[in-house]
Amino acid sequence: MTIGTGKPFRKHKRHEVALRVRYAGASGKVAGIAGNVSLGGLRISGPISDTVGDKVELSLSLPHLPEPVRVRGEVVWVERDKDAETATVGVRFVDLDPNLSVMLGHVLRSGLPT
């Protein structure tokens, strides 16, 4: 993806993976599979009614960790499905802990199932 200047829009490489995630926002709690994950954020689909700018809490289930890790995020884009009951949203991680960033980077580089 590029912006008007022709420069790449994304700061972080995207990885098409299947990562279990719990999403808590204005629309309530949603459990699902996140795809298109990077060190900057992720994409998740489900019965989500949040809007751009909403703050959310994520719990990511990473391989080899006994407990999910918690991450704060902000909704940066929303794509409503035709039925209007579900949506796909892009979430940008906010204040990602440096240790978690290293761990997530390792997981993404080593690969996860898609």
C-alpha atoms as a PDB file:
ATOM      1  CA  MET A   1       0.000   0.000   0.000  1.00  0.00           C
ATOM      2  CA  THR A   2       1.280   3.494  -0.781  1.00  0.00           C
ATOM      3  CA  ILE A   3       0.244   6.998   0.114  1.00  0.00           C
ATOM      4  CA  GLY A   4      -0.045   9.950  -2.283  1.00  0.00           C
ATOM      5  CA  THR A   5       3.727  10.442  -2.332  1.00  0.00           C
ATOM      6  CA  GLY A   6       4.268   6.953  -3.742  1.00  0.00           C
ATOM      7  CA  LYS A   7       6.131   5.938  -0.579  1.00  0.00           C
ATOM      8  CA  PRO A   8       5.137   2.776   1.288  1.00  0.00           C
ATOM      9  CA  PHE A   9       2.405   3.441   3.857  1.00  0.00           C
ATOM     10  CA  ARG A  10       3.296   0.624   6.258  1.00  0.00           C
ATOM     11  CA  LYS A  11       6.193   0.842   8.697  1.00  0.00           C
ATOM     12  CA  HIS A  12       6.284  -2.884   9.465  1.00  0.00           C
ATOM     13  CA  LYS A  13       6.267  -5.964   7.272  1.00  0.00           C
ATOM     14  CA  ARG A  14       2.913  -7.774   7.316  1.00  0.00           C
ATOM     15  CA  HIS A  15       2.740 -11.519   7.939  1.00  0.00           C
ATOM     16  CA  GLU A  16      -0.246 -13.587   6.798  1.00  0.00           C
ATOM     17  CA  VAL A  17      -0.683 -15.785   9.852  1.00  0.00           C
ATOM     18  CA  ALA A  18      -3.440 -17.254  11.972  1.00  0.00           C
ATOM     19  CA  LEU A  19      -3.102 -15.922  15.501  1.00  0.00           C
ATOM     20  CA  ARG A  20      -5.748 -16.509  18.175  1.00  0.00           C
ATOM     21  CA  VAL A  21      -6.857 -13.236  19.705  1.00  0.00           C
ATOM     22  CA  ARG A  22      -9.450 -11.886  22.107  1.00  0.00           C
ATOM     23  CA  TYR A  23     -10.646  -8.376  21.307  1.00  0.00           C
ATOM     24  CA  ALA A  24     -12.357  -6.112  23.831  1.00  0.00           C
ATOM     25  CA  GLY A  25     -13.718  -2.769  22.692  1.00  0.00           C
ATOM     26  CA  ALA A  26     -16.871  -0.677  22.549  1.00  0.00           C
ATOM     27  CA  SER A  27     -18.665  -3.527  20.766  1.00  0.00           C
ATOM     28  CA  GLY A  28     -17.904  -5.957  23.586  1.00  0.00           C
ATOM     29  CA  LYS A  29     -15.621  -8.970  23.631  1.00  0.00           C
ATOM     30  CA  VAL A  30     -14.851 -10.969  20.502  1.00  0.00           C
ATOM     31  CA  ALA A  31     -12.718 -14.108  20.181  1.00  0.00           C
ATOM     32  CA  GLY A  32     -11.301 -14.842  16.787  1.00  0.00           C
ATOM     33  CA  ILE A  33      -8.348 -15.298  14.528  1.00  0.00           C
ATOM     34  CA  ALA A  34      -6.194 -12.328  13.610  1.00  0.00           C
ATOM     35  CA  GLY A  35      -4.531 -12.233  10.244  1.00  0.00           C
ATOM     36  CA  ASN A  36      -2.101  -9.898   8.577  1.00  0.00           C
ATOM     37  CA  VAL A  37      -0.077  -9.289  11.743  1.00  0.00           C
ATOM     38  CA  SER A  38       2.949  -7.022  12.087  1.00  0.00           C
ATOM     39  CA  LEU A  39       4.898  -5.367  14.869  1.00  0.00           C
ATOM     40  CA  GLY A  40       2.633  -2.370  14.342  1.00  0.00           C
ATOM     41  CA  GLY A  41      -0.779  -4.017  14.511  1.00  0.00           C
ATOM     42  CA  LEU A  42      -3.166  -6.592  13.089  1.00  0.00           C
ATOM     43  CA  ARG A  43      -6.420  -7.240  11.273  1.00  0.00           C
ATOM     44  CA  ILE A  44      -9.361  -9.060  12.880  1.00  0.00           C
ATOM     45  CA  SER A  45     -12.899  -9.853  11.711  1.00  0.00           C
ATOM     46  CA  GLY A  46     -16.044 -10.526  13.679  1.00  0.00           C
ATOM     47  CA  PRO A  47     -19.186  -8.985  15.165  1.00  0.00           C
ATOM     48  CA  ILE A  48     -17.373  -5.704  15.787  1.00  0.00           C
ATOM     49  CA  SER A  49     -19.138  -2.327  15.775  1.00  0.00           C
ATOM     50  CA  ASP A  50     -16.220  -0.166  16.892  1.00  0.00           C
ATOM     51  CA  THR A  51     -15.247   2.907  14.886  1.00  0.00           C
ATOM     52  CA  VAL A  52     -11.969   4.535  13.903  1.00  0.00           C
ATOM     53  CA  GLY A  53     -10.227   5.970  16.954  1.00  0.00           C
ATOM     54  CA  ASP A  54     -11.772   3.575  19.477  1.00  0.00           C
ATOM     55  CA  LYS A  55      -9.352   2.161  22.038  1.00  0.00           C
ATOM     56  CA  VAL A  56      -9.291  -1.637  22.410  1.00  0.00           C
ATOM     57  CA  GLU A  57      -7.621  -4.310  24.513  1.00  0.00           C
ATOM     58  CA  LEU A  58      -6.188  -7.398  22.821  1.00  0.00           C
ATOM     59  CA  SER A  59      -5.067 -10.732  24.255  1.00  0.00           C
ATOM     60  CA  LEU A  60      -2.755 -12.534  21.835  1.00  0.00           C
ATOM     61  CA  SER A  61      -2.059 -16.259  22.116  1.00  0.00           C
ATOM     62  CA  LEU A  62       1.551 -16.674  21.056  1.00  0.00           C
ATOM     63  CA  PRO A  63       3.172 -20.075  20.492  1.00  0.00           C
ATOM     64  CA  HIS A  64       5.242 -21.451  23.364  1.00  0.00           C
ATOM     65  CA  LEU A  65       3.704 -19.091  25.928  1.00  0.00           C
ATOM     66  CA  PRO A  66       1.380 -20.562  28.556  1.00  0.00           C
ATOM     67  CA  GLU A  67      -0.742 -17.402  28.854  1.00  0.00           C
ATOM     68  CA  PRO A  68      -1.954 -14.862  26.284  1.00  0.00           C
ATOM     69  CA  VAL A  69      -0.183 -11.499  26.255  1.00  0.00           C
ATOM     70  CA  ARG A  70      -2.173  -8.291  26.621  1.00  0.00           C
ATOM     71  CA  VAL A  71      -1.766  -5.419  24.184  1.00  0.00           C
ATOM     72  CA  ARG A  72      -3.534  -2.073  23.935  1.00  0.00           C
ATOM     73  CA  GLY A  73      -4.574  -0.836  20.521  1.00  0.00           C
ATOM     74  CA  GLU A  74      -6.495   1.718  18.510  1.00  0.00           C
ATOM     75  CA  VAL A  75      -8.869   1.034  15.620  1.00  0.00           C
ATOM     76  CA  VAL A  76      -7.376   2.707  12.530  1.00  0.00           C
ATOM     77  CA  TRP A  77      -9.745   1.448   9.814  1.00  0.00           C
ATOM     78  CA  VAL A  78     -13.082  -0.357   9.580  1.00  0.00           C
ATOM     79  CA  GLU A  79     -14.550  -2.306   6.675  1.00  0.00           C
ATOM     80  CA  ARG A  80     -18.197  -3.233   7.283  1.00  0.00           C
ATOM     81  CA  ASP A  81     -19.509  -6.440   5.744  1.00  0.00           C
ATOM     82  CA  LYS A  82     -22.671  -6.376   3.625  1.00  0.00           C
ATOM     83  CA  ASP A  83     -24.738  -7.833   6.459  1.00  0.00           C
ATOM     84  CA  ALA A  84     -23.660  -4.883   8.674  1.00  0.00           C
ATOM     85  CA  GLU A  85     -23.401  -7.242  11.658  1.00  0.00           C
ATOM     86  CA  THR A  86     -19.736  -8.036  11.149  1.00  0.00           C
ATOM     87  CA  ALA A  87     -16.695  -6.017  10.208  1.00  0.00           C
ATOM     88  CA  THR A  88     -12.994  -6.335   9.582  1.00  0.00           C
ATOM     89  CA  VAL A  89     -10.923  -3.817  11.513  1.00  0.00           C
ATOM     90  CA  GLY A  90      -7.312  -2.754  11.500  1.00  0.00           C
ATOM     91  CA  VAL A  91      -5.838  -2.227  14.943  1.00  0.00           C
ATOM     92  CA  ARG A  92      -2.606  -0.339  15.608  1.00  0.00           C
ATOM     93  CA  PHE A  93      -0.706  -1.442  18.707  1.00  0.00           C
ATOM     94  CA  VAL A  94      -0.297   1.357  21.271  1.00  0.00           C
ATOM     95  CA  ASP A  95       2.689   1.503  23.637  1.00  0.00           C
ATOM     96  CA  LEU A  96       3.846  -2.024  22.794  1.00  0.00           C
ATOM     97  CA  ASP A  97       6.228  -3.241  25.490  1.00  0.00           C
ATOM     98  CA  PRO A  98       9.770  -3.537  24.024  1.00  0.00           C
ATOM     99  CA  ASN A  99      10.168  -7.102  25.336  1.00  0.00           C
ATOM    100  CA  LEU A 100       6.858  -8.100  23.768  1.00  0.00           C
ATOM    101  CA  SER A 101       7.896  -6.440  20.514  1.00  0.00           C
ATOM    102  CA  VAL A 102      11.043  -8.596  20.410  1.00  0.00           C
ATOM    103  CA  MET A 103       9.035 -11.732  21.226  1.00  0.00           C
ATOM    104  CA  LEU A 104       6.360 -10.972  18.620  1.00  0.00           C
ATOM    105  CA  GLY A 105       9.035 -10.235  16.017  1.00  0.00           C
ATOM    106  CA  HIS A 106      10.642 -13.608  16.675  1.00  0.00           C
ATOM    107  CA  VAL A 107       7.293 -15.400  16.385  1.00  0.00           C
ATOM    108  CA  LEU A 108       6.439 -13.636  13.112  1.00  0.00           C
ATOM    109  CA  ARG A 109       9.870 -14.303  11.575  1.00  0.00           C
ATOM    110  CA  SER A 110       9.778 -17.973  12.537  1.00  0.00           C
ATOM    111  CA  GLY A 111       6.363 -18.343  10.933  1.00  0.00           C
ATOM    112  CA  LEU A 112       2.908 -19.335  12.093  1.00  0.00           C
ATOM    113  CA  PRO A 113       0.256 -21.370  10.308  1.00  0.00           C
ATOM    114  CA  THR A 114      -1.915 -19.437   7.869  1.00  0.00           C
END
